[in-house]
Amino acid sequence: MSDGLPIHVHVVAQTSLIHRQADFAAITQAKSAKSTFCQITKDVGDQFDRKDLETFLSKIFPTRVIHALFSEMSRISSSPSPNQAESDLVSITFEIFCHFIACLLKKSITEKARIYLTITAGFQSRAAKCSQLLKFCELMVTAYLHTGINNGSADSQQITSWQLQLDRQALHQFARFLLTDLLINSLQQDKSLLSSLNTSNNQEVDSSLFSIEEMEQWLVRTPLMTRIADKLFMACFLDLSKVNQQQSMKTIEESNLTVTEDDDNDDDDIENDKIMDMLIPLCILNDNKPSQLLTYSTILMLNDNLQAQLRSEWKLLFSSLQHGESFTTLCSRIINKGPSLLIVRDKSGYVFGGFASQSWNYKSQFYGDSSCFLFTAHPKMSVYTTTRYNQNFQYLNCNMQTLPNGLGMGGQLDYFGLWIDAEYGKGHSMAGPKCTTYGSPQLSENKHFEIDCIEVWGIGKAKKEDQDENKRSILDQDPGAKALLELMGKKQHSEGLREPEDD
């Protein structure tokens, strides 16, 4: 590992180490944990009580959550009675504090589920209501984003790069999205419960309880929830701002993971770990104008469904509000730009779109692969992955008399799961009753919709700029001619006869 690596890479090295090890030894050796403990105690004494923890976390959590966390710390102390766990007389030492962090961050879903249940329903609870779990999810996500916006987490740079405000309605929708799997797979298998959740029927929702075993299974199937919680608790209890290069190196050495000259791949492993753990990508804006369609909740949902290597950066390629309402302009800004996300808002206020895994190009047939998906973001949040019924993943054509002209995803010609017509301003979403390619329902309010706004985001780190106009083939400049050749079954022999790029 080079000494010239930036500090944030070494921070990732230590947090990745703690996340992997998450045992008492690893935590106690982390100077960031000791720094946090000193902040809680205000450098006075070698222990803290509940009031000290309230003071320390009051800007992040409501009092009841702080009491729940303190109760879990007290449980480690000496198996206290319920009354003792809530008592101001209980004090937490550094050793207990480190054991608590280990339980909170290690990979044991059982430990996490028990702590989450305490936060959700109270100390020694055995089950939680659906409404309580909704509040828990919304609380965790809100606190994670709030901490990042205020430069209090390792993800602050990515979160603040979007320049967005917290959208309470979107956060509530996202909490419902996170709970969908729990409701679908619960032992009760009550379909009316999921319907009640989507219609905000709290009376029906609160008639069902979920056991800790059901919560464990939910967390296994919804790892995004634990990833958000882990990031939040790391920000709360591991003072990453105090970690510098020397401290990170020392932590690695003390944990018997000393970097040697033979470990040539360690730097790549650290970077890969960083990308794998990326919840919010870095936003790249050309003119510093934030997205008009995305919310933090939508970004969390979509980024979690991307391949790991694509989660680090999103770059705005096209916005109808900035670049004009033109299909030609849209195509010129998204062709040959790699994987991308298309987001549409129709005149009814519905927000939906799709992920295209391959660069958009004019072709006479469908292309793409099974990592493509469709989604809805408002009024409901959901992701629809491929069914493998067919391979009609993505389609783009223009200036053809015998084929549909426009941009489409899923379904079949003239009956797309999502369609943006070349005659800009209109589109359709067909699903009778579901899109054959993605299993998605109708995305828009009406089958045929009018476009209010479109954004397209390039996904993943930007690659080398495409060849300039002077090096383009005449078939590149006239995509209609290229599509016609493909339709006729003619091979494009000149495709490989391009001048090599300059080094």
Protein backbone atom coordinates (compact mmCIF):
# COMPACT_ATOMS: atom_id res chain seq x y z
CA MET A 1 0.00 0.00 0.00
CA SER A 2 1.49 3.31 -1.07
CA ASP A 3 2.06 6.01 1.54
CA GLY A 4 0.71 8.45 -1.01
CA LEU A 5 -2.83 7.15 -0.87
CA PRO A 6 -5.41 9.76 0.14
CA ILE A 7 -6.78 9.70 3.68
CA HIS A 8 -10.26 8.57 2.60
CA VAL A 9 -8.78 5.34 1.18
CA HIS A 10 -7.16 4.57 4.54
CA VAL A 11 -10.44 5.35 6.28
CA VAL A 12 -12.06 2.79 4.04
CA ALA A 13 -9.28 0.34 4.93
CA GLN A 14 -10.00 0.67 8.65
CA THR A 15 -13.81 0.64 8.39
CA SER A 16 -13.66 -2.33 6.02
CA LEU A 17 -11.39 -4.11 8.51
CA ILE A 18 -13.73 -3.37 11.42
CA HIS A 19 -16.73 -4.47 9.38
CA ARG A 20 -15.02 -7.75 8.50
CA GLN A 21 -13.59 -8.47 11.91
CA ALA A 22 -16.12 -6.68 14.14
CA ASP A 23 -14.84 -8.42 17.22
CA PHE A 24 -13.71 -6.98 20.53
CA ALA A 25 -10.00 -6.94 19.63
CA ALA A 26 -10.50 -5.11 16.34
CA ILE A 27 -12.75 -2.47 17.90
CA THR A 28 -10.54 -1.74 20.91
CA GLN A 29 -7.54 -1.25 18.61
CA ALA A 30 -9.42 1.30 16.53
CA LYS A 31 -8.46 4.77 17.66
CA SER A 32 -11.70 6.08 16.18
CA ALA A 33 -13.66 4.11 18.82
CA LYS A 34 -11.52 5.49 21.62
CA SER A 35 -11.96 9.01 20.27
CA THR A 36 -15.76 8.62 20.25
CA PHE A 37 -15.74 7.23 23.78
CA CYS A 38 -13.79 10.27 24.97
CA GLN A 39 -16.29 12.58 23.27
CA ILE A 40 -19.18 10.87 25.08
CA THR A 41 -17.42 11.09 28.45
CA LYS A 42 -16.15 14.59 27.60
CA ASP A 43 -12.68 13.35 28.59
CA VAL A 44 -13.85 13.08 32.20
CA GLY A 45 -13.65 9.65 33.80
CA ASP A 46 -13.52 6.20 32.22
CA GLN A 47 -17.26 5.56 31.83
CA PHE A 48 -20.50 7.27 30.77
CA ASP A 49 -24.17 7.07 31.75
CA ARG A 50 -27.44 7.40 29.86
CA LYS A 51 -27.54 11.18 30.11
CA ASP A 52 -24.05 11.41 28.59
CA LEU A 53 -25.20 9.28 25.64
CA GLU A 54 -28.33 11.42 25.24
CA THR A 55 -26.21 14.55 25.02
CA PHE A 56 -23.89 12.95 22.47
CA LEU A 57 -26.57 11.54 20.14
CA SER A 58 -29.36 14.09 20.63
CA LYS A 59 -28.84 15.65 17.19
CA ILE A 60 -29.15 12.27 15.45
CA PHE A 61 -31.75 10.19 17.30
CA PRO A 62 -34.89 10.85 19.35
CA THR A 63 -34.65 10.10 23.07
CA ARG A 64 -36.45 6.74 22.88
CA VAL A 65 -33.87 5.41 20.40
CA ILE A 66 -30.98 6.60 22.56
CA HIS A 67 -32.55 4.85 25.55
CA ALA A 68 -32.85 1.68 23.48
CA LEU A 69 -29.19 1.81 22.50
CA PHE A 70 -28.20 2.40 26.10
CA SER A 71 -30.33 -0.56 27.19
CA GLU A 72 -28.45 -2.79 24.77
CA MET A 73 -25.13 -1.54 26.16
CA SER A 74 -26.43 -2.22 29.67
CA ARG A 75 -27.42 -5.75 28.66
CA ILE A 76 -23.76 -6.47 27.91
CA SER A 77 -22.73 -4.99 31.26
CA SER A 78 -24.11 -7.66 33.61
CA SER A 79 -27.39 -9.07 32.28
CA PRO A 80 -29.41 -6.44 34.13
CA SER A 81 -33.09 -6.63 34.97
CA PRO A 82 -35.46 -4.59 32.79
CA ASN A 83 -35.63 -1.84 35.41
CA GLN A 84 -31.86 -1.72 35.78
CA ALA A 85 -31.40 -1.46 32.04
CA GLU A 86 -33.32 1.82 32.04
CA SER A 87 -31.66 3.11 35.18
CA ASP A 88 -29.47 6.18 35.25
CA LEU A 89 -27.26 4.31 37.74
CA VAL A 90 -25.83 2.03 35.03
CA SER A 91 -22.48 3.17 33.63
CA ILE A 92 -20.75 2.02 30.44
CA THR A 93 -17.01 1.40 30.36
CA PHE A 94 -14.84 1.46 27.25
CA GLU A 95 -14.74 -2.33 27.23
CA ILE A 96 -18.55 -2.59 27.24
CA PHE A 97 -18.76 0.15 24.62
CA CYS A 98 -16.43 -1.81 22.31
CA HIS A 99 -18.38 -5.04 22.83
CA PHE A 100 -21.58 -3.19 21.89
CA ILE A 101 -20.05 -1.81 18.67
CA ALA A 102 -18.84 -5.32 17.82
CA CYS A 103 -22.36 -6.71 18.27
CA LEU A 104 -23.83 -3.83 16.29
CA LEU A 105 -21.50 -4.06 13.29
CA LYS A 106 -20.55 -7.71 12.99
CA LYS A 107 -22.21 -9.87 10.37
CA SER A 108 -24.40 -11.83 12.78
CA ILE A 109 -27.96 -11.08 11.67
CA THR A 110 -29.24 -12.48 14.97
CA GLU A 111 -27.42 -9.80 16.98
CA LYS A 112 -28.50 -7.06 14.59
CA ALA A 113 -32.14 -8.18 14.62
CA ARG A 114 -32.26 -8.16 18.43
CA ILE A 115 -30.78 -4.66 18.64
CA TYR A 116 -33.06 -3.39 15.87
CA LEU A 117 -36.06 -4.89 17.68
CA THR A 118 -35.08 -3.06 20.88
CA ILE A 119 -34.87 0.21 18.93
CA THR A 120 -38.18 -0.53 17.21
CA ALA A 121 -40.41 -1.86 19.98
CA GLY A 122 -38.53 -1.37 23.26
CA PHE A 123 -36.24 -3.33 25.57
CA GLN A 124 -36.99 -7.08 25.83
CA SER A 125 -39.74 -6.92 23.20
CA ARG A 126 -40.34 -10.14 21.29
CA ALA A 127 -42.22 -8.75 18.29
CA ALA A 128 -42.83 -5.48 16.48
CA LYS A 129 -45.82 -3.95 14.74
CA CYS A 130 -45.57 -3.11 11.07
CA SER A 131 -46.03 0.60 11.81
CA GLN A 132 -43.12 0.43 14.27
CA LEU A 133 -40.90 -1.17 11.64
CA LEU A 134 -41.93 1.51 9.16
CA LYS A 135 -40.84 4.19 11.62
CA PHE A 136 -37.59 2.31 12.27
CA CYS A 137 -36.72 2.15 8.56
CA GLU A 138 -37.60 5.79 8.00
CA LEU A 139 -35.63 6.82 11.09
CA MET A 140 -32.49 4.91 10.05
CA VAL A 141 -32.51 6.27 6.50
CA THR A 142 -33.26 9.84 7.61
CA ALA A 143 -30.52 9.77 10.25
CA TYR A 144 -28.02 8.31 7.77
CA LEU A 145 -28.72 11.05 5.21
CA HIS A 146 -28.89 13.81 7.83
CA THR A 147 -25.51 12.74 9.24
CA GLY A 148 -24.01 12.71 5.75
CA ILE A 149 -25.41 16.11 4.81
CA ASN A 150 -23.84 17.53 7.97
CA ASN A 151 -20.43 16.05 7.07
CA GLY A 152 -20.60 13.51 9.87
CA SER A 153 -20.09 10.27 7.92
CA ALA A 154 -17.72 8.58 5.50
CA ASP A 155 -20.36 9.08 2.77
CA SER A 156 -20.66 12.84 3.23
CA GLN A 157 -18.83 13.71 0.03
CA GLN A 158 -21.18 11.60 -2.07
CA ILE A 159 -24.34 12.69 -0.27
CA THR A 160 -23.61 16.42 -0.41
CA SER A 161 -22.55 16.23 -4.08
CA TRP A 162 -26.22 15.80 -5.04
CA GLN A 163 -27.27 19.12 -3.43
CA LEU A 164 -30.72 17.72 -2.66
CA GLN A 165 -33.11 18.41 0.19
CA LEU A 166 -34.57 15.62 2.30
CA ASP A 167 -37.95 14.67 0.84
CA ARG A 168 -40.13 13.36 3.70
CA GLN A 169 -42.71 11.83 1.41
CA ALA A 170 -40.02 10.00 -0.57
CA LEU A 171 -38.41 8.77 2.67
CA HIS A 172 -41.74 7.34 3.78
CA GLN A 173 -42.18 5.63 0.40
CA PHE A 174 -38.67 4.21 0.68
CA ALA A 175 -39.40 2.79 4.13
CA ARG A 176 -42.39 0.98 2.63
CA PHE A 177 -40.16 -0.28 -0.19
CA LEU A 178 -37.67 -1.70 2.34
CA LEU A 179 -40.47 -3.55 4.16
CA THR A 180 -42.03 -5.07 1.04
CA ASP A 181 -40.05 -8.31 1.28
CA LEU A 182 -40.96 -8.75 4.96
CA LEU A 183 -44.66 -8.48 4.18
CA ILE A 184 -44.55 -10.73 1.12
CA ASN A 185 -42.64 -13.49 2.92
CA SER A 186 -44.10 -13.21 6.41
CA LEU A 187 -45.52 -16.33 8.05
CA GLN A 188 -48.94 -14.69 7.99
CA GLN A 189 -48.80 -14.38 4.20
CA ASP A 190 -51.55 -11.83 4.43
CA LYS A 191 -51.82 -10.11 1.05
CA SER A 192 -54.23 -7.58 2.49
CA LEU A 193 -51.42 -6.39 4.78
CA LEU A 194 -49.25 -5.36 1.83
CA SER A 195 -52.25 -3.62 0.28
CA SER A 196 -52.93 -1.80 3.54
CA LEU A 197 -49.30 -0.71 3.73
CA ASN A 198 -49.51 0.83 0.26
CA THR A 199 -52.76 2.62 1.11
CA SER A 200 -51.60 3.84 4.56
CA ASN A 201 -54.28 1.83 6.40
CA ASN A 202 -52.54 1.95 9.78
CA GLN A 203 -55.28 0.11 11.63
CA GLU A 204 -54.95 -2.92 9.36
CA VAL A 205 -51.15 -2.68 9.39
CA ASP A 206 -50.93 -2.68 13.19
CA SER A 207 -53.09 -5.77 13.51
CA SER A 208 -50.05 -7.93 12.66
CA LEU A 209 -46.87 -8.54 14.65
CA PHE A 210 -43.51 -9.69 13.33
CA SER A 211 -41.26 -11.89 15.44
CA ILE A 212 -37.50 -11.56 15.73
CA GLU A 213 -37.15 -14.66 13.53
CA GLU A 214 -39.16 -12.97 10.78
CA MET A 215 -37.03 -9.85 11.19
CA GLU A 216 -33.87 -11.94 10.78
CA GLN A 217 -35.16 -13.41 7.51
CA TRP A 218 -36.17 -9.95 6.34
CA LEU A 219 -32.66 -8.59 7.00
CA VAL A 220 -31.11 -11.51 5.11
CA ARG A 221 -33.31 -10.81 2.09
CA THR A 222 -32.99 -7.01 2.37
CA PRO A 223 -29.26 -6.37 2.97
CA LEU A 224 -29.72 -2.69 2.01
CA MET A 225 -31.37 -2.11 5.40
CA THR A 226 -28.37 -3.42 7.37
CA ARG A 227 -25.92 -1.59 5.10
CA ILE A 228 -27.68 1.72 5.83
CA ALA A 229 -27.81 0.99 9.56
CA ASP A 230 -24.14 -0.06 9.62
CA LYS A 231 -23.08 3.15 7.88
CA LEU A 232 -25.13 5.19 10.34
CA PHE A 233 -23.81 3.45 13.45
CA MET A 234 -20.24 3.70 12.17
CA ALA A 235 -20.76 7.44 11.83
CA CYS A 236 -22.21 7.57 15.36
CA PHE A 237 -19.70 5.41 17.23
CA LEU A 238 -16.49 5.44 15.16
CA ASP A 239 -14.97 8.90 14.84
CA LEU A 240 -13.62 8.56 11.32
CA SER A 241 -12.55 12.20 11.23
CA LYS A 242 -9.78 11.28 13.66
CA VAL A 243 -8.41 8.52 11.49
CA ASN A 244 -5.26 9.52 9.62
CA GLN A 245 -2.91 7.55 7.46
CA GLN A 246 -0.59 6.46 10.27
CA GLN A 247 -3.44 5.35 12.52
CA SER A 248 -4.98 3.26 9.75
CA MET A 249 -1.68 1.61 8.95
CA LYS A 250 -1.08 0.86 12.64
CA THR A 251 -4.56 -0.64 13.02
CA ILE A 252 -3.97 -2.94 10.07
CA GLU A 253 -0.62 -4.05 11.48
CA GLU A 254 -1.97 -4.64 14.99
CA SER A 255 -4.80 -6.76 13.55
CA ASN A 256 -2.29 -9.15 11.94
CA LEU A 257 -3.24 -7.91 8.50
CA THR A 258 0.10 -6.23 7.87
CA VAL A 259 0.53 -5.12 4.30
CA THR A 260 3.62 -6.59 2.65
CA GLU A 261 5.31 -5.90 -0.64
CA ASP A 262 3.99 -9.21 -1.94
CA ASP A 263 0.38 -8.10 -1.49
CA ASP A 264 0.15 -6.36 -4.85
CA ASN A 265 -3.61 -6.53 -4.96
CA ASP A 266 -4.34 -4.93 -1.58
CA ASP A 267 -4.86 -1.45 -3.00
CA ASP A 268 -7.34 -2.86 -5.52
CA ASP A 269 -9.11 -4.79 -2.76
CA ILE A 270 -9.55 -1.60 -0.71
CA GLU A 271 -10.95 0.26 -3.72
CA ASN A 272 -13.24 -2.66 -4.57
CA ASP A 273 -14.49 -2.78 -0.96
CA LYS A 274 -15.20 0.93 -1.18
CA ILE A 275 -17.26 0.53 -4.37
CA MET A 276 -19.07 -2.55 -3.05
CA ASP A 277 -20.13 -0.60 0.04
CA MET A 278 -21.25 2.45 -1.93
CA LEU A 279 -24.79 3.43 -0.96
CA ILE A 280 -24.87 6.86 -2.59
CA PRO A 281 -22.78 7.50 -5.71
CA LEU A 282 -20.80 10.66 -6.35
CA CYS A 283 -22.88 13.07 -8.45
CA ILE A 284 -21.15 14.71 -11.42
CA LEU A 285 -22.96 17.84 -12.62
CA ASN A 286 -21.84 20.01 -15.52
CA ASP A 287 -23.56 23.23 -14.48
CA ASN A 288 -24.13 22.66 -10.76
CA LYS A 289 -27.91 22.32 -11.13
CA PRO A 290 -29.31 19.47 -9.02
CA SER A 291 -31.63 16.79 -10.37
CA GLN A 292 -35.30 17.69 -10.65
CA LEU A 293 -36.45 14.06 -10.64
CA LEU A 294 -34.24 12.14 -8.22
CA THR A 295 -34.50 12.04 -4.44
CA TYR A 296 -32.02 10.50 -2.01
CA SER A 297 -34.49 7.66 -1.52
CA THR A 298 -34.69 6.93 -5.24
CA ILE A 299 -30.90 7.04 -5.54
CA LEU A 300 -30.51 4.54 -2.67
CA MET A 301 -33.02 2.18 -4.26
CA LEU A 302 -31.54 2.35 -7.75
CA ASN A 303 -27.86 2.26 -6.80
CA ASP A 304 -28.46 -0.86 -4.71
CA ASN A 305 -29.77 -2.64 -7.82
CA LEU A 306 -26.73 -1.81 -9.96
CA GLN A 307 -23.70 -4.01 -10.39
CA ALA A 308 -21.08 -3.18 -7.76
CA GLN A 309 -18.58 -1.69 -10.23
CA LEU A 310 -21.19 0.85 -11.39
CA ARG A 311 -22.09 2.29 -7.99
CA SER A 312 -19.35 4.88 -7.58
CA GLU A 313 -20.41 7.76 -9.87
CA TRP A 314 -23.44 9.07 -11.74
CA LYS A 315 -23.05 11.81 -14.35
CA LEU A 316 -25.93 13.81 -15.81
CA LEU A 317 -26.00 13.23 -19.57
CA PHE A 318 -29.33 14.79 -20.49
CA SER A 319 -32.03 16.86 -18.85
CA SER A 320 -34.98 18.12 -20.85
CA LEU A 321 -35.15 21.13 -18.54
CA GLN A 322 -31.52 22.04 -19.29
CA HIS A 323 -30.88 20.72 -22.81
CA GLY A 324 -34.29 21.15 -24.39
CA GLU A 325 -37.25 18.98 -25.31
CA SER A 326 -35.81 17.26 -28.35
CA PHE A 327 -35.44 13.56 -29.14
CA THR A 328 -32.49 14.32 -31.42
CA THR A 329 -30.71 16.15 -28.60
CA LEU A 330 -31.54 13.34 -26.18
CA CYS A 331 -30.00 10.75 -28.49
CA SER A 332 -26.92 12.83 -29.26
CA ARG A 333 -26.13 13.10 -25.55
CA ILE A 334 -26.66 9.45 -24.56
CA ILE A 335 -25.29 7.42 -27.51
CA ASN A 336 -22.01 5.58 -26.77
CA LYS A 337 -21.98 6.78 -23.15
CA GLY A 338 -22.01 3.40 -21.44
CA PRO A 339 -24.60 2.15 -18.92
CA SER A 340 -27.27 4.71 -18.09
CA LEU A 341 -30.43 5.40 -16.10
CA LEU A 342 -33.47 6.93 -17.78
CA ILE A 343 -35.88 8.76 -15.47
CA VAL A 344 -39.23 10.11 -16.69
CA ARG A 345 -41.91 12.22 -15.03
CA ASP A 346 -45.23 12.30 -16.84
CA LYS A 347 -47.83 15.05 -16.76
CA SER A 348 -49.69 13.15 -14.01
CA GLY A 349 -46.67 13.38 -11.70
CA TYR A 350 -45.69 9.71 -11.95
CA VAL A 351 -41.92 9.11 -11.91
CA PHE A 352 -40.50 5.97 -13.49
CA GLY A 353 -37.73 4.75 -15.78
CA GLY A 354 -35.22 2.07 -16.59
CA PHE A 355 -31.58 1.06 -16.37
CA ALA A 356 -29.82 0.27 -19.65
CA SER A 357 -26.75 -1.91 -19.10
CA GLN A 358 -25.23 -1.19 -22.51
CA SER A 359 -24.54 2.00 -24.40
CA TRP A 360 -27.48 3.35 -26.33
CA ASN A 361 -27.00 2.93 -30.10
CA TYR A 362 -29.28 2.95 -33.11
CA LYS A 363 -30.16 -0.64 -33.95
CA SER A 364 -32.93 -2.45 -35.74
CA GLN A 365 -33.41 -4.99 -32.95
CA PHE A 366 -33.36 -5.26 -29.18
CA TYR A 367 -30.08 -5.56 -27.29
CA GLY A 368 -28.76 -5.23 -23.70
CA ASP A 369 -28.56 -7.96 -21.09
CA SER A 370 -30.30 -9.35 -18.01
CA SER A 371 -28.89 -6.67 -15.67
CA CYS A 372 -31.30 -4.13 -17.19
CA PHE A 373 -34.40 -3.26 -15.17
CA LEU A 374 -37.43 -0.99 -15.02
CA PHE A 375 -38.56 0.91 -11.92
CA THR A 376 -41.12 3.24 -10.43
CA ALA A 377 -40.17 6.03 -8.01
CA HIS A 378 -43.46 7.87 -7.41
CA PRO A 379 -46.12 7.40 -6.15
CA LYS A 380 -44.78 3.91 -5.39
CA MET A 381 -41.17 2.70 -5.27
CA SER A 382 -40.35 -0.63 -6.88
CA VAL A 383 -37.75 -2.30 -9.10
CA TYR A 384 -38.63 -4.83 -11.80
CA THR A 385 -35.83 -7.13 -12.95
CA THR A 386 -35.75 -9.40 -15.97
CA THR A 387 -38.03 -12.43 -16.22
CA ARG A 388 -35.86 -14.19 -18.83
CA TYR A 389 -39.01 -14.74 -20.89
CA ASN A 390 -37.33 -12.86 -23.74
CA GLN A 391 -34.28 -10.68 -24.35
CA ASN A 392 -36.05 -7.48 -25.37
CA PHE A 393 -34.05 -5.38 -22.91
CA GLN A 394 -33.42 -2.08 -24.73
CA TYR A 395 -34.15 -0.58 -28.15
CA LEU A 396 -33.32 2.67 -29.97
CA ASN A 397 -34.13 3.60 -33.53
CA CYS A 398 -34.69 6.73 -35.59
CA ASN A 399 -35.63 7.76 -39.13
CA MET A 400 -36.91 4.30 -40.12
CA GLN A 401 -40.18 3.86 -42.01
CA THR A 402 -40.65 0.16 -41.29
CA LEU A 403 -39.76 0.10 -37.56
CA PRO A 404 -40.86 2.06 -34.49
CA ASN A 405 -38.83 5.23 -34.04
CA GLY A 406 -37.95 6.02 -30.46
CA LEU A 407 -36.42 4.59 -27.32
CA GLY A 408 -37.90 1.53 -25.65
CA MET A 409 -37.32 -1.03 -22.92
CA GLY A 410 -39.03 -4.39 -22.56
CA GLY A 411 -42.11 -5.92 -24.13
CA GLN A 412 -42.15 -5.98 -27.91
CA LEU A 413 -42.24 -3.60 -30.84
CA ASP A 414 -45.13 -1.13 -30.51
CA TYR A 415 -45.96 -2.65 -27.11
CA PHE A 416 -43.06 -1.63 -24.87
CA GLY A 417 -42.79 -1.80 -21.10
CA LEU A 418 -41.45 1.76 -21.42
CA TRP A 419 -41.46 3.79 -24.63
CA ILE A 420 -40.28 7.33 -25.47
CA ASP A 421 -41.47 8.26 -28.95
CA ALA A 422 -39.15 9.98 -31.42
CA GLU A 423 -41.92 12.54 -31.75
CA TYR A 424 -40.82 14.02 -28.44
CA GLY A 425 -43.38 14.60 -25.75
CA LYS A 426 -45.27 11.33 -25.74
CA GLY A 427 -44.71 7.73 -24.75
CA HIS A 428 -46.42 4.61 -23.50
CA SER A 429 -46.12 1.87 -20.88
CA MET A 430 -47.85 -1.34 -21.88
CA ALA A 431 -48.35 -4.27 -19.52
CA GLY A 432 -51.13 -6.66 -20.24
CA PRO A 433 -51.16 -7.31 -17.31
CA LYS A 434 -47.35 -7.37 -16.96
CA CYS A 435 -44.40 -6.59 -19.23
CA THR A 436 -43.07 -9.91 -20.52
CA THR A 437 -39.43 -8.81 -20.26
CA TYR A 438 -39.42 -7.27 -16.79
CA GLY A 439 -42.61 -8.47 -15.14
CA SER A 440 -43.50 -4.83 -14.51
CA PRO A 441 -47.01 -3.41 -14.35
CA GLN A 442 -47.99 -0.22 -16.15
CA LEU A 443 -45.44 2.35 -14.95
CA SER A 444 -47.37 5.51 -15.79
CA GLU A 445 -50.85 6.49 -14.64
CA ASN A 446 -52.21 5.98 -18.15
CA LYS A 447 -50.99 3.61 -20.86
CA HIS A 448 -50.20 6.53 -23.13
CA PHE A 449 -48.59 9.44 -21.32
CA GLU A 450 -47.30 12.93 -21.98
CA ILE A 451 -43.76 13.71 -20.84
CA ASP A 452 -43.20 16.45 -18.31
CA CYS A 453 -39.45 15.95 -17.81
CA ILE A 454 -36.70 13.44 -18.70
CA GLU A 455 -33.24 12.92 -17.23
CA VAL A 456 -30.58 10.42 -18.30
CA TRP A 457 -27.63 9.64 -16.04
CA GLY A 458 -24.40 7.95 -17.08
CA ILE A 459 -23.62 5.23 -14.55
CA GLY A 460 -20.14 4.30 -13.32
CA LYS A 461 -16.83 6.07 -13.68
CA ALA A 462 -16.45 7.91 -16.96
CA LYS A 463 -14.36 6.21 -19.61
CA LYS A 464 -12.10 7.80 -22.20
CA GLU A 465 -13.93 10.22 -24.47
CA ASP A 466 -15.34 8.75 -27.65
CA GLN A 467 -13.62 9.35 -30.95
CA ASP A 468 -14.01 12.82 -32.39
CA GLU A 469 -16.16 13.62 -35.39
CA ASN A 470 -13.22 13.40 -37.83
CA LYS A 471 -12.71 9.73 -36.98
CA ARG A 472 -16.35 8.73 -37.25
CA SER A 473 -17.62 6.49 -40.02
CA ILE A 474 -20.27 7.80 -42.40
CA LEU A 475 -22.53 5.08 -40.95
CA ASP A 476 -22.04 6.58 -37.49
CA GLN A 477 -23.20 9.93 -38.79
CA ASP A 478 -26.24 8.35 -40.48
CA PRO A 479 -27.57 5.80 -37.99
CA GLY A 480 -30.59 5.18 -40.21
CA ALA A 481 -28.31 3.75 -42.91
CA LYS A 482 -26.61 1.49 -40.38
CA ALA A 483 -29.94 0.21 -39.07
CA LEU A 484 -31.12 -0.43 -42.64
CA LEU A 485 -28.03 -2.54 -43.37
CA GLU A 486 -28.62 -4.56 -40.21
CA LEU A 487 -32.25 -5.07 -41.15
CA MET A 488 -31.19 -6.36 -44.58
CA GLY A 489 -28.70 -8.76 -42.97
CA LYS A 490 -25.70 -6.97 -44.50
CA LYS A 491 -22.46 -7.16 -42.56
CA GLN A 492 -20.69 -3.88 -41.88
CA HIS A 493 -17.16 -4.78 -43.03
CA SER A 494 -15.76 -1.32 -42.31
CA GLU A 495 -16.60 -1.54 -38.59
CA GLY A 496 -13.11 -2.74 -37.67
CA LEU A 497 -11.25 -0.51 -40.14
CA ARG A 498 -11.02 2.58 -38.00
CA GLU A 499 -7.88 4.52 -37.27
CA PRO A 500 -6.31 3.56 -33.94
CA GLU A 501 -6.72 5.97 -31.04
CA ASP A 502 -3.77 8.11 -30.07
CA ASP A 503 -2.01 7.04 -26.88
